Structures are given as C-alpha cells and as structure tokens.
Amino acid sequence: MSAQQTDLTSVKVSDDKTLVFSGSLTRHSVAKLWSQRKSWSVGSETKVDLTDVEVIDTAGVAFLLEILKLIGDGKGPLTCIGASEQLKQIARVSGVESLLSLS
C-alpha cells in the first residue's frame, strides 16, 4: 500500500456519536487514526460505521477492540455497521466475534 492510499483513510464523528471510517484500517493507517482519538466525542452508545472501509487487516480488528475499550468497559459488543466479509472472517478466525456486533 502506498502512502497516498494511507492518507485517504479518515474518521469523522457523526451527530449521533457514530465513528465513521473510510479508506483502510490496516497496520499502515491505524496508528494515525488512534492518535486522533482525543478529538472523538464518544460514549457507551458509540457505534462504528465501516461502510466506506475498503480494506481491513488484523491490525484493523485490534484497532476496533481498542475503540471498544475506549468507549466502555471493553466487554462489548461494539456495534459495527457495514462490516465487510473480510472483517467478519478475521473476527471469526480471531475469536472476537462476541466482542464485535457485525452488520
């Protein structure tokens, strides 16, 4: 992945405190996104919208689990809207499906 693709990765917080991600959630992009977390207005009802995420890897799944810890007690589940088949497969293989509510 080129640096240019990584730069296309973004997050915004919608009015209902949904974290809306676009681009990729990979080892190349999650550190930059995580560094922005203090600007996120989140709470226990926060959801994650992954509809515009094109690529996700195991680092991206770990990132979602860190968001789960950030917004609550870490027990889950974190509601993930627009989860790709790729994410569902990684979550299944990693044994974290119960922590991520994937739709």
C-alpha atoms as a PDB file:
ATOM      1  CA  MET A   1       0.000   0.000   0.000  1.00  0.00           C
ATOM      2  CA  SER A   2       1.312   3.407  -0.864  1.00  0.00           C
ATOM      3  CA  ALA A   3       1.457   6.356   1.499  1.00  0.00           C
ATOM      4  CA  GLN A   4      -1.058   8.069  -0.739  1.00  0.00           C
ATOM      5  CA  GLN A   5      -3.659   5.369  -0.019  1.00  0.00           C
ATOM      6  CA  THR A   6      -2.997   5.653   3.707  1.00  0.00           C
ATOM      7  CA  ASP A   7      -3.631   9.386   3.516  1.00  0.00           C
ATOM      8  CA  LEU A   8      -7.114   8.662   2.186  1.00  0.00           C
ATOM      9  CA  THR A   9      -8.013   6.972   5.459  1.00  0.00           C
ATOM     10  CA  SER A  10     -10.185   9.151   7.648  1.00  0.00           C
ATOM     11  CA  VAL A  11     -12.581   9.213  10.568  1.00  0.00           C
ATOM     12  CA  LYS A  12     -15.350  11.615  11.446  1.00  0.00           C
ATOM     13  CA  VAL A  13     -17.817  11.617  14.313  1.00  0.00           C
ATOM     14  CA  SER A  14     -21.460  11.958  13.312  1.00  0.00           C
ATOM     15  CA  ASP A  15     -24.079  13.769  15.377  1.00  0.00           C
ATOM     16  CA  ASP A  16     -25.187  10.501  16.993  1.00  0.00           C
ATOM     17  CA  LYS A  17     -21.590   9.740  18.085  1.00  0.00           C
ATOM     18  CA  THR A  18     -21.026   7.168  15.353  1.00  0.00           C
ATOM     19  CA  LEU A  19     -17.376   6.915  14.304  1.00  0.00           C
ATOM     20  CA  VAL A  20     -17.483   6.891  10.503  1.00  0.00           C
ATOM     21  CA  PHE A  21     -14.342   5.445   8.941  1.00  0.00           C
ATOM     22  CA  SER A  22     -13.312   5.457   5.298  1.00  0.00           C
ATOM     23  CA  GLY A  23     -10.318   4.131   3.414  1.00  0.00           C
ATOM     24  CA  SER A  24      -8.388   1.360   5.103  1.00  0.00           C
ATOM     25  CA  LEU A  25      -7.971   0.035   8.626  1.00  0.00           C
ATOM     26  CA  THR A  26      -4.599  -1.635   8.348  1.00  0.00           C
ATOM     27  CA  ARG A  27      -1.259  -1.607  10.110  1.00  0.00           C
ATOM     28  CA  HIS A  28      -0.361   1.322   7.838  1.00  0.00           C
ATOM     29  CA  SER A  29      -3.248   3.536   8.940  1.00  0.00           C
ATOM     30  CA  VAL A  30      -4.459   2.691  12.443  1.00  0.00           C
ATOM     31  CA  ALA A  31      -1.684   4.496  14.356  1.00  0.00           C
ATOM     32  CA  LYS A  32      -2.581   7.779  12.661  1.00  0.00           C
ATOM     33  CA  LEU A  33      -6.267   7.248  13.378  1.00  0.00           C
ATOM     34  CA  TRP A  34      -5.613   6.251  17.001  1.00  0.00           C
ATOM     35  CA  SER A  35      -3.627   9.457  17.540  1.00  0.00           C
ATOM     36  CA  GLN A  36      -6.834  11.387  16.751  1.00  0.00           C
ATOM     37  CA  ARG A  37      -8.922   9.631  19.434  1.00  0.00           C
ATOM     38  CA  LYS A  38      -8.851  12.535  21.895  1.00  0.00           C
ATOM     39  CA  SER A  39     -10.877  14.597  19.422  1.00  0.00           C
ATOM     40  CA  TRP A  40     -13.618  11.949  19.217  1.00  0.00           C
ATOM     41  CA  SER A  41     -16.735  12.688  21.249  1.00  0.00           C
ATOM     42  CA  VAL A  42     -17.635   9.124  22.190  1.00  0.00           C
ATOM     43  CA  GLY A  43     -19.613   7.347  24.864  1.00  0.00           C
ATOM     44  CA  SER A  44     -21.026   3.974  25.754  1.00  0.00           C
ATOM     45  CA  GLU A  45     -23.575   4.185  22.917  1.00  0.00           C
ATOM     46  CA  THR A  46     -20.927   4.893  20.268  1.00  0.00           C
ATOM     47  CA  LYS A  47     -21.145   2.819  17.087  1.00  0.00           C
ATOM     48  CA  VAL A  48     -18.655   2.357  14.277  1.00  0.00           C
ATOM     49  CA  ASP A  49     -19.628   2.754  10.618  1.00  0.00           C
ATOM     50  CA  LEU A  50     -17.319   0.758   8.366  1.00  0.00           C
ATOM     51  CA  THR A  51     -19.381   1.027   5.169  1.00  0.00           C
ATOM     52  CA  ASP A  52     -16.652   3.022   3.371  1.00  0.00           C
ATOM     53  CA  VAL A  53     -13.715   0.943   4.639  1.00  0.00           C
ATOM     54  CA  GLU A  54     -12.161  -0.742   1.628  1.00  0.00           C
ATOM     55  CA  VAL A  55      -9.523  -2.894   3.363  1.00  0.00           C
ATOM     56  CA  ILE A  56      -9.120  -4.187   6.901  1.00  0.00           C
ATOM     57  CA  ASP A  57      -6.497  -6.470   8.399  1.00  0.00           C
ATOM     58  CA  THR A  58      -5.781  -7.907  11.849  1.00  0.00           C
ATOM     59  CA  ALA A  59      -4.385  -4.546  12.979  1.00  0.00           C
ATOM     60  CA  GLY A  60      -7.707  -3.003  11.992  1.00  0.00           C
ATOM     61  CA  VAL A  61      -9.579  -5.567  14.089  1.00  0.00           C
ATOM     62  CA  ALA A  62      -7.253  -4.873  17.041  1.00  0.00           C
ATOM     63  CA  PHE A  63      -7.985  -1.168  16.495  1.00  0.00           C
ATOM     64  CA  LEU A  64     -11.725  -1.838  16.774  1.00  0.00           C
ATOM     65  CA  LEU A  65     -11.122  -3.699  20.040  1.00  0.00           C
ATOM     66  CA  GLU A  66      -9.173  -0.688  21.351  1.00  0.00           C
ATOM     67  CA  ILE A  67     -12.144   1.521  20.460  1.00  0.00           C
ATOM     68  CA  LEU A  68     -14.318  -0.869  22.450  1.00  0.00           C
ATOM     69  CA  LYS A  69     -12.050  -0.338  25.470  1.00  0.00           C
ATOM     70  CA  LEU A  70     -12.109   3.425  24.895  1.00  0.00           C
ATOM     71  CA  ILE A  71     -15.885   3.773  24.875  1.00  0.00           C
ATOM     72  CA  GLY A  72     -16.837   1.471  27.690  1.00  0.00           C
ATOM     73  CA  ASP A  73     -15.878  -1.414  29.867  1.00  0.00           C
ATOM     74  CA  GLY A  74     -14.376  -3.367  26.967  1.00  0.00           C
ATOM     75  CA  LYS A  75     -16.818  -6.246  27.314  1.00  0.00           C
ATOM     76  CA  GLY A  76     -18.725  -5.421  24.164  1.00  0.00           C
ATOM     77  CA  PRO A  77     -20.163  -5.747  21.856  1.00  0.00           C
ATOM     78  CA  LEU A  78     -19.094  -2.805  19.727  1.00  0.00           C
ATOM     79  CA  THR A  79     -21.753  -2.210  17.083  1.00  0.00           C
ATOM     80  CA  CYS A  80     -20.094  -2.188  13.655  1.00  0.00           C
ATOM     81  CA  ILE A  81     -22.281  -1.067  10.758  1.00  0.00           C
ATOM     82  CA  GLY A  82     -21.330  -2.062   7.213  1.00  0.00           C
ATOM     83  CA  ALA A  83     -18.865  -4.799   8.161  1.00  0.00           C
ATOM     84  CA  SER A  84     -17.235  -6.433   5.156  1.00  0.00           C
ATOM     85  CA  GLU A  85     -16.897 -10.174   4.654  1.00  0.00           C
ATOM     86  CA  GLN A  86     -13.168  -9.679   5.197  1.00  0.00           C
ATOM     87  CA  LEU A  87     -13.810  -8.235   8.665  1.00  0.00           C
ATOM     88  CA  LYS A  88     -16.305 -10.966   9.526  1.00  0.00           C
ATOM     89  CA  GLN A  89     -13.804 -13.667   8.555  1.00  0.00           C
ATOM     90  CA  ILE A  90     -10.950 -12.110  10.551  1.00  0.00           C
ATOM     91  CA  ALA A  91     -13.207 -11.698  13.598  1.00  0.00           C
ATOM     92  CA  ARG A  92     -14.349 -15.323  13.312  1.00  0.00           C
ATOM     93  CA  VAL A  93     -10.819 -16.713  12.971  1.00  0.00           C
ATOM     94  CA  SER A  94      -9.531 -14.453  15.757  1.00  0.00           C
ATOM     95  CA  GLY A  95     -12.327 -15.481  18.116  1.00  0.00           C
ATOM     96  CA  VAL A  96     -13.558 -11.927  18.742  1.00  0.00           C
ATOM     97  CA  GLU A  97     -16.992 -12.149  17.110  1.00  0.00           C
ATOM     98  CA  SER A  98     -18.690 -11.868  20.514  1.00  0.00           C
ATOM     99  CA  LEU A  99     -16.961  -8.504  21.110  1.00  0.00           C
ATOM    100  CA  LEU A 100     -17.953  -7.034  17.742  1.00  0.00           C
ATOM    101  CA  SER A 101     -21.591  -6.834  16.669  1.00  0.00           C
ATOM    102  CA  LEU A 102     -21.070  -7.011  12.905  1.00  0.00           C
ATOM    103  CA  SER A 103     -23.810  -5.988  10.490  1.00  0.00           C
END
